[in-house]
Amino acid sequence: MTEIPDDPAALVELMPFAAASGVEITTAAPDEVVGRLSWAPERCTTAGVLHGGVLMTLADSLGAVCAFLNLPAGAVTSTIESKTNFLRAVRDGHVEGRTTPLHVGRTTIVLQTELRDAEGRRVAHVVQTQAVTAAPVSAR
């Protein structure tokens, strides 16, 4: 498994898109990663509803970090499948995500992420599969 940085927020800096999107990571361990994303008008579709792609960005980012923390030495990961069920619109506040691994295998890691609004109501449920592969020679 990969060593966890002292500051979980530093993990976002490894993912420039997540950082630019406003993803924050508050806790990170191989068995659970927690983070959040604040509502902002520039992250919305019509009627001030947080865009589904923003919710998926939060879930995918948390899932990627959880997978990263479960990798064997010298391996890398990338999302190969993601399934999202949207359950509630978000019009203010923030969304908190909690990712846990369902399966940590030799070639894949399967994770689930629950997204909840500031009131604790479920917003989305995401299950994703991450591939586990050897790092390219140039990255070693």
N, C-alpha and C. Protein backbone atom coordinates (compact mmCIF):
# COMPACT_ATOMS: atom_id res chain seq x y z
N MET A 1 0.83 -1.18 0.00
CA MET A 1 0.00 0.00 0.00
C MET A 1 0.88 1.25 0.00
N THR A 2 0.30 2.34 -0.46
CA THR A 2 1.02 3.59 -0.58
C THR A 2 1.01 4.35 0.73
N GLU A 3 2.11 5.05 1.01
CA GLU A 3 2.19 5.85 2.23
C GLU A 3 1.25 7.04 2.15
N ILE A 4 0.54 7.31 3.24
CA ILE A 4 -0.43 8.39 3.29
C ILE A 4 0.28 9.67 3.73
N PRO A 5 0.11 10.77 2.98
CA PRO A 5 0.73 12.03 3.39
C PRO A 5 0.16 12.50 4.73
N ASP A 6 0.94 13.30 5.45
CA ASP A 6 0.48 13.85 6.72
C ASP A 6 -0.76 14.72 6.54
N ASP A 7 -0.83 15.42 5.41
CA ASP A 7 -1.94 16.32 5.10
C ASP A 7 -2.76 15.72 3.97
N PRO A 8 -3.96 15.17 4.26
CA PRO A 8 -4.76 14.56 3.20
C PRO A 8 -5.10 15.53 2.07
N ALA A 9 -5.18 16.82 2.38
CA ALA A 9 -5.47 17.81 1.34
C ALA A 9 -4.40 17.82 0.25
N ALA A 10 -3.18 17.41 0.58
CA ALA A 10 -2.09 17.37 -0.40
C ALA A 10 -2.38 16.38 -1.51
N LEU A 11 -3.25 15.40 -1.26
CA LEU A 11 -3.60 14.42 -2.29
C LEU A 11 -4.33 15.06 -3.46
N VAL A 12 -5.08 16.13 -3.20
CA VAL A 12 -5.80 16.82 -4.28
C VAL A 12 -4.81 17.43 -5.26
N GLU A 13 -3.69 17.90 -4.78
CA GLU A 13 -2.69 18.53 -5.64
C GLU A 13 -2.12 17.55 -6.67
N LEU A 14 -2.24 16.26 -6.42
CA LEU A 14 -1.80 15.25 -7.38
C LEU A 14 -2.77 15.16 -8.57
N MET A 15 -3.96 15.77 -8.42
CA MET A 15 -5.00 15.72 -9.45
C MET A 15 -5.40 17.15 -9.81
N PRO A 16 -4.71 17.77 -10.76
CA PRO A 16 -4.99 19.19 -11.07
C PRO A 16 -6.45 19.49 -11.40
N PHE A 17 -7.14 18.59 -12.11
CA PHE A 17 -8.55 18.84 -12.43
C PHE A 17 -9.40 18.89 -11.17
N ALA A 18 -9.15 17.98 -10.23
CA ALA A 18 -9.90 17.98 -8.97
C ALA A 18 -9.64 19.26 -8.20
N ALA A 19 -8.39 19.71 -8.17
CA ALA A 19 -8.05 20.96 -7.47
C ALA A 19 -8.76 22.14 -8.13
N ALA A 20 -8.74 22.20 -9.45
CA ALA A 20 -9.40 23.30 -10.17
C ALA A 20 -10.91 23.25 -10.00
N SER A 21 -11.46 22.07 -9.75
CA SER A 21 -12.91 21.91 -9.59
C SER A 21 -13.38 22.22 -8.18
N GLY A 22 -12.44 22.38 -7.25
CA GLY A 22 -12.81 22.72 -5.88
C GLY A 22 -12.94 21.55 -4.93
N VAL A 23 -12.48 20.37 -5.34
CA VAL A 23 -12.54 19.19 -4.47
C VAL A 23 -11.61 19.39 -3.28
N GLU A 24 -12.09 19.05 -2.10
CA GLU A 24 -11.29 19.08 -0.88
C GLU A 24 -11.30 17.68 -0.27
N ILE A 25 -10.18 17.22 0.23
CA ILE A 25 -10.11 15.93 0.91
C ILE A 25 -9.82 16.22 2.38
N THR A 26 -10.68 15.68 3.26
CA THR A 26 -10.54 15.96 4.68
C THR A 26 -9.88 14.81 5.44
N THR A 27 -10.16 13.57 5.03
CA THR A 27 -9.48 12.42 5.63
C THR A 27 -9.19 11.41 4.54
N ALA A 28 -8.09 10.71 4.70
CA ALA A 28 -7.70 9.73 3.68
C ALA A 28 -6.98 8.56 4.34
N ALA A 29 -7.54 7.39 4.13
CA ALA A 29 -6.94 6.14 4.60
C ALA A 29 -7.35 5.06 3.59
N PRO A 30 -6.62 3.96 3.54
CA PRO A 30 -6.97 2.91 2.58
C PRO A 30 -8.41 2.39 2.70
N ASP A 31 -8.98 2.44 3.91
CA ASP A 31 -10.34 1.92 4.09
C ASP A 31 -11.43 2.98 3.98
N GLU A 32 -11.06 4.28 3.87
CA GLU A 32 -12.07 5.32 3.72
C GLU A 32 -11.42 6.66 3.35
N VAL A 33 -12.01 7.31 2.36
CA VAL A 33 -11.59 8.65 1.97
C VAL A 33 -12.83 9.55 2.04
N VAL A 34 -12.68 10.70 2.68
CA VAL A 34 -13.79 11.64 2.84
C VAL A 34 -13.37 12.99 2.28
N GLY A 35 -14.30 13.61 1.55
CA GLY A 35 -14.02 14.93 1.01
C GLY A 35 -15.31 15.68 0.75
N ARG A 36 -15.15 16.89 0.25
CA ARG A 36 -16.33 17.71 -0.02
C ARG A 36 -16.09 18.66 -1.17
N LEU A 37 -17.20 19.20 -1.63
CA LEU A 37 -17.18 20.18 -2.71
C LEU A 37 -18.31 21.17 -2.41
N SER A 38 -17.99 22.44 -2.40
CA SER A 38 -18.99 23.47 -2.10
C SER A 38 -19.82 23.82 -3.33
N TRP A 39 -21.09 24.14 -3.09
CA TRP A 39 -21.96 24.65 -4.14
C TRP A 39 -21.42 26.01 -4.56
N ALA A 40 -21.43 26.29 -5.85
CA ALA A 40 -21.06 27.60 -6.39
C ALA A 40 -21.82 27.78 -7.70
N PRO A 41 -22.24 29.00 -8.03
CA PRO A 41 -23.04 29.20 -9.24
C PRO A 41 -22.35 28.72 -10.51
N GLU A 42 -21.04 28.84 -10.58
CA GLU A 42 -20.32 28.40 -11.80
C GLU A 42 -20.25 26.88 -11.93
N ARG A 43 -20.72 26.16 -10.92
CA ARG A 43 -20.74 24.69 -10.96
C ARG A 43 -22.15 24.14 -11.21
N CYS A 44 -23.05 25.02 -11.65
CA CYS A 44 -24.46 24.66 -11.76
C CYS A 44 -24.94 24.55 -13.20
N THR A 45 -26.06 23.85 -13.34
CA THR A 45 -26.83 23.84 -14.58
C THR A 45 -27.94 24.87 -14.40
N THR A 46 -29.10 24.64 -14.98
CA THR A 46 -30.20 25.59 -14.83
C THR A 46 -30.77 25.56 -13.42
N ALA A 47 -31.43 26.63 -13.06
CA ALA A 47 -32.14 26.76 -11.77
C ALA A 47 -31.23 26.59 -10.56
N GLY A 48 -29.93 26.84 -10.73
CA GLY A 48 -29.02 26.78 -9.60
C GLY A 48 -28.76 25.39 -9.06
N VAL A 49 -28.94 24.37 -9.89
CA VAL A 49 -28.71 22.99 -9.46
C VAL A 49 -27.27 22.60 -9.79
N LEU A 50 -26.57 22.07 -8.80
CA LEU A 50 -25.20 21.61 -8.99
C LEU A 50 -25.15 20.59 -10.13
N HIS A 51 -24.26 20.79 -11.07
CA HIS A 51 -24.15 19.96 -12.27
C HIS A 51 -23.78 18.52 -11.89
N GLY A 52 -24.39 17.55 -12.56
CA GLY A 52 -24.09 16.15 -12.30
C GLY A 52 -22.63 15.81 -12.53
N GLY A 53 -22.01 16.46 -13.51
CA GLY A 53 -20.59 16.23 -13.77
C GLY A 53 -19.72 16.66 -12.61
N VAL A 54 -20.15 17.68 -11.88
CA VAL A 54 -19.43 18.13 -10.69
C VAL A 54 -19.51 17.06 -9.61
N LEU A 55 -20.71 16.49 -9.44
CA LEU A 55 -20.87 15.42 -8.46
C LEU A 55 -20.01 14.22 -8.83
N MET A 56 -19.98 13.89 -10.12
CA MET A 56 -19.16 12.77 -10.58
C MET A 56 -17.67 13.07 -10.41
N THR A 57 -17.28 14.33 -10.57
CA THR A 57 -15.88 14.71 -10.35
C THR A 57 -15.48 14.47 -8.90
N LEU A 58 -16.35 14.85 -7.98
CA LEU A 58 -16.06 14.61 -6.56
C LEU A 58 -15.93 13.11 -6.30
N ALA A 59 -16.89 12.33 -6.76
CA ALA A 59 -16.87 10.88 -6.51
C ALA A 59 -15.66 10.22 -7.15
N ASP A 60 -15.35 10.58 -8.39
CA ASP A 60 -14.22 9.97 -9.09
C ASP A 60 -12.91 10.34 -8.42
N SER A 61 -12.80 11.56 -7.95
CA SER A 61 -11.57 12.00 -7.28
C SER A 61 -11.36 11.27 -5.97
N LEU A 62 -12.43 11.15 -5.17
CA LEU A 62 -12.31 10.41 -3.91
C LEU A 62 -12.01 8.94 -4.17
N GLY A 63 -12.67 8.37 -5.19
CA GLY A 63 -12.40 6.98 -5.54
C GLY A 63 -10.98 6.76 -6.00
N ALA A 64 -10.46 7.70 -6.78
CA ALA A 64 -9.07 7.59 -7.25
C ALA A 64 -8.09 7.62 -6.09
N VAL A 65 -8.34 8.48 -5.12
CA VAL A 65 -7.45 8.55 -3.96
C VAL A 65 -7.53 7.27 -3.15
N CYS A 66 -8.73 6.75 -2.94
CA CYS A 66 -8.88 5.50 -2.19
C CYS A 66 -8.17 4.36 -2.90
N ALA A 67 -8.33 4.29 -4.22
CA ALA A 67 -7.62 3.25 -4.99
C ALA A 67 -6.12 3.44 -4.87
N PHE A 68 -5.65 4.67 -5.02
CA PHE A 68 -4.22 5.00 -4.91
C PHE A 68 -3.65 4.51 -3.58
N LEU A 69 -4.41 4.71 -2.51
CA LEU A 69 -3.93 4.32 -1.18
C LEU A 69 -3.93 2.80 -0.97
N ASN A 70 -4.58 2.08 -1.88
CA ASN A 70 -4.62 0.61 -1.80
C ASN A 70 -3.72 -0.07 -2.82
N LEU A 71 -2.95 0.71 -3.58
CA LEU A 71 -2.09 0.12 -4.62
C LEU A 71 -0.87 -0.57 -4.03
N PRO A 72 -0.44 -1.64 -4.67
CA PRO A 72 0.86 -2.21 -4.29
C PRO A 72 1.97 -1.30 -4.79
N ALA A 73 3.16 -1.45 -4.24
CA ALA A 73 4.30 -0.63 -4.65
C ALA A 73 4.54 -0.76 -6.15
N GLY A 74 4.76 0.37 -6.80
CA GLY A 74 5.09 0.39 -8.21
C GLY A 74 3.91 0.34 -9.16
N ALA A 75 2.69 0.31 -8.63
CA ALA A 75 1.50 0.25 -9.48
C ALA A 75 0.86 1.63 -9.63
N VAL A 76 0.06 1.77 -10.68
CA VAL A 76 -0.73 2.98 -10.92
C VAL A 76 -2.18 2.55 -11.14
N THR A 77 -3.07 3.52 -11.15
CA THR A 77 -4.49 3.21 -11.32
C THR A 77 -5.17 4.23 -12.21
N SER A 78 -6.25 3.80 -12.83
CA SER A 78 -7.12 4.72 -13.57
C SER A 78 -8.53 4.14 -13.57
N THR A 79 -9.52 5.01 -13.65
CA THR A 79 -10.91 4.58 -13.66
C THR A 79 -11.21 3.88 -14.98
N ILE A 80 -11.80 2.69 -14.91
CA ILE A 80 -12.19 2.01 -16.15
C ILE A 80 -13.71 1.87 -16.25
N GLU A 81 -14.43 2.12 -15.15
CA GLU A 81 -15.88 2.06 -15.19
C GLU A 81 -16.43 2.85 -14.01
N SER A 82 -17.54 3.55 -14.25
CA SER A 82 -18.19 4.30 -13.18
C SER A 82 -19.68 4.34 -13.43
N LYS A 83 -20.46 4.06 -12.39
CA LYS A 83 -21.92 4.06 -12.47
C LYS A 83 -22.44 4.99 -11.39
N THR A 84 -23.22 5.99 -11.79
CA THR A 84 -23.76 6.97 -10.86
C THR A 84 -25.28 6.94 -10.87
N ASN A 85 -25.88 6.89 -9.69
CA ASN A 85 -27.31 7.11 -9.53
C ASN A 85 -27.47 8.46 -8.85
N PHE A 86 -28.11 9.41 -9.56
CA PHE A 86 -28.40 10.73 -8.98
C PHE A 86 -29.74 10.63 -8.25
N LEU A 87 -29.79 11.07 -7.01
CA LEU A 87 -30.97 10.88 -6.18
C LEU A 87 -31.63 12.17 -5.72
N ARG A 88 -30.90 13.28 -5.71
CA ARG A 88 -31.44 14.54 -5.20
C ARG A 88 -30.63 15.69 -5.78
N ALA A 89 -31.31 16.79 -6.07
CA ALA A 89 -30.64 18.00 -6.55
C ALA A 89 -30.00 18.75 -5.38
N VAL A 90 -28.89 19.42 -5.67
CA VAL A 90 -28.21 20.24 -4.67
C VAL A 90 -28.28 21.69 -5.16
N ARG A 91 -28.88 22.57 -4.34
CA ARG A 91 -29.07 23.97 -4.73
C ARG A 91 -28.31 24.95 -3.83
N ASP A 92 -27.63 24.44 -2.82
CA ASP A 92 -26.85 25.30 -1.93
C ASP A 92 -25.95 24.45 -1.04
N GLY A 93 -25.17 25.08 -0.22
CA GLY A 93 -24.34 24.38 0.76
C GLY A 93 -23.15 23.67 0.16
N HIS A 94 -23.03 22.40 0.44
CA HIS A 94 -21.92 21.59 -0.05
C HIS A 94 -22.37 20.15 -0.21
N VAL A 95 -21.50 19.37 -0.81
CA VAL A 95 -21.71 17.92 -0.92
C VAL A 95 -20.52 17.25 -0.26
N GLU A 96 -20.81 16.29 0.60
CA GLU A 96 -19.75 15.51 1.23
C GLU A 96 -19.77 14.11 0.65
N GLY A 97 -18.59 13.60 0.34
CA GLY A 97 -18.47 12.25 -0.19
C GLY A 97 -17.67 11.36 0.73
N ARG A 98 -18.06 10.10 0.78
CA ARG A 98 -17.36 9.10 1.59
C ARG A 98 -17.16 7.87 0.70
N THR A 99 -15.90 7.53 0.44
CA THR A 99 -15.56 6.39 -0.42
C THR A 99 -14.98 5.26 0.40
N THR A 100 -15.46 4.05 0.13
CA THR A 100 -14.91 2.85 0.75
C THR A 100 -14.67 1.79 -0.32
N PRO A 101 -13.63 0.98 -0.15
CA PRO A 101 -13.40 -0.09 -1.13
C PRO A 101 -14.36 -1.25 -0.90
N LEU A 102 -14.88 -1.79 -1.99
CA LEU A 102 -15.69 -3.00 -1.94
C LEU A 102 -14.85 -4.23 -2.23
N HIS A 103 -13.80 -4.03 -3.06
CA HIS A 103 -12.92 -5.13 -3.46
C HIS A 103 -11.56 -4.53 -3.79
N VAL A 104 -10.52 -5.06 -3.21
CA VAL A 104 -9.14 -4.67 -3.54
C VAL A 104 -8.46 -5.93 -4.05
N GLY A 105 -8.32 -6.00 -5.36
CA GLY A 105 -7.74 -7.17 -5.98
C GLY A 105 -6.41 -6.89 -6.65
N ARG A 106 -5.90 -7.89 -7.31
CA ARG A 106 -4.61 -7.79 -7.98
C ARG A 106 -4.67 -6.92 -9.21
N THR A 107 -5.80 -6.95 -9.95
CA THR A 107 -5.90 -6.19 -11.21
C THR A 107 -6.97 -5.10 -11.20
N THR A 108 -7.87 -5.14 -10.23
CA THR A 108 -8.89 -4.09 -10.12
C THR A 108 -9.18 -3.77 -8.66
N ILE A 109 -9.67 -2.55 -8.46
CA ILE A 109 -10.17 -2.10 -7.16
C ILE A 109 -11.55 -1.53 -7.42
N VAL A 110 -12.55 -2.03 -6.69
CA VAL A 110 -13.92 -1.56 -6.84
C VAL A 110 -14.27 -0.75 -5.59
N LEU A 111 -14.82 0.44 -5.83
CA LEU A 111 -15.11 1.36 -4.73
C LEU A 111 -16.54 1.85 -4.81
N GLN A 112 -17.08 2.23 -3.66
CA GLN A 112 -18.39 2.88 -3.66
C GLN A 112 -18.26 4.22 -2.95
N THR A 113 -18.98 5.20 -3.47
CA THR A 113 -18.97 6.53 -2.89
C THR A 113 -20.41 6.97 -2.66
N GLU A 114 -20.68 7.40 -1.44
CA GLU A 114 -21.97 8.00 -1.10
C GLU A 114 -21.78 9.50 -1.04
N LEU A 115 -22.60 10.24 -1.77
CA LEU A 115 -22.57 11.70 -1.74
C LEU A 115 -23.79 12.18 -0.98
N ARG A 116 -23.59 13.09 -0.05
CA ARG A 116 -24.69 13.64 0.76
C ARG A 116 -24.60 15.16 0.78
N ASP A 117 -25.78 15.79 0.89
CA ASP A 117 -25.80 17.25 0.94
C ASP A 117 -25.49 17.74 2.35
N ALA A 118 -25.53 19.05 2.55
CA ALA A 118 -25.18 19.64 3.84
C ALA A 118 -26.15 19.22 4.95
N GLU A 119 -27.35 18.76 4.56
CA GLU A 119 -28.33 18.28 5.54
C GLU A 119 -28.19 16.78 5.82
N GLY A 120 -27.22 16.14 5.15
CA GLY A 120 -27.00 14.71 5.35
C GLY A 120 -27.87 13.82 4.48
N ARG A 121 -28.63 14.42 3.54
CA ARG A 121 -29.48 13.63 2.65
C ARG A 121 -28.66 13.08 1.49
N ARG A 122 -28.93 11.83 1.12
CA ARG A 122 -28.20 11.19 0.03
C ARG A 122 -28.49 11.90 -1.29
N VAL A 123 -27.43 12.28 -2.00
CA VAL A 123 -27.50 12.98 -3.28
C VAL A 123 -27.22 12.03 -4.44
N ALA A 124 -26.25 11.15 -4.26
CA ALA A 124 -25.88 10.22 -5.32
C ALA A 124 -25.16 9.01 -4.71
N HIS A 125 -25.22 7.92 -5.47
CA HIS A 125 -24.50 6.70 -5.11
C HIS A 125 -23.66 6.32 -6.33
N VAL A 126 -22.37 6.13 -6.13
CA VAL A 126 -21.45 5.86 -7.23
C VAL A 126 -20.67 4.59 -6.93
N VAL A 127 -20.58 3.71 -7.93
CA VAL A 127 -19.71 2.54 -7.85
C VAL A 127 -18.76 2.63 -9.03
N GLN A 128 -17.47 2.52 -8.75
CA GLN A 128 -16.48 2.62 -9.82
C GLN A 128 -15.45 1.50 -9.70
N THR A 129 -14.88 1.19 -10.85
CA THR A 129 -13.81 0.19 -10.92
C THR A 129 -12.56 0.89 -11.39
N GLN A 130 -11.48 0.65 -10.68
CA GLN A 130 -10.17 1.19 -11.02
C GLN A 130 -9.26 0.04 -11.45
N ALA A 131 -8.56 0.23 -12.57
CA ALA A 131 -7.58 -0.75 -13.01
C ALA A 131 -6.31 -0.59 -12.19
N VAL A 132 -5.65 -1.69 -11.91
CA VAL A 132 -4.34 -1.69 -11.25
C VAL A 132 -3.34 -2.19 -12.27
N THR A 133 -2.38 -1.34 -12.63
CA THR A 133 -1.37 -1.71 -13.62
C THR A 133 0.01 -1.27 -13.13
N ALA A 134 1.03 -1.87 -13.75
CA ALA A 134 2.40 -1.47 -13.43
C ALA A 134 2.64 -0.06 -13.96
N ALA A 135 3.42 0.71 -13.24
CA ALA A 135 3.75 2.07 -13.69
C ALA A 135 4.56 2.01 -14.97
N PRO A 136 4.31 2.94 -15.92
CA PRO A 136 5.11 2.98 -17.13
C PRO A 136 6.58 3.18 -16.77
N VAL A 137 7.47 2.66 -17.60
CA VAL A 137 8.91 2.75 -17.34
C VAL A 137 9.33 4.21 -17.15
N SER A 138 8.78 5.13 -17.93
CA SER A 138 9.16 6.54 -17.83
C SER A 138 8.72 7.17 -16.53
N ALA A 139 7.72 6.57 -15.83
CA ALA A 139 7.21 7.13 -14.58
C ALA A 139 7.92 6.57 -13.37
N ARG A 140 8.76 5.59 -13.54
CA ARG A 140 9.42 4.94 -12.38
C ARG A 140 10.62 5.70 -11.94
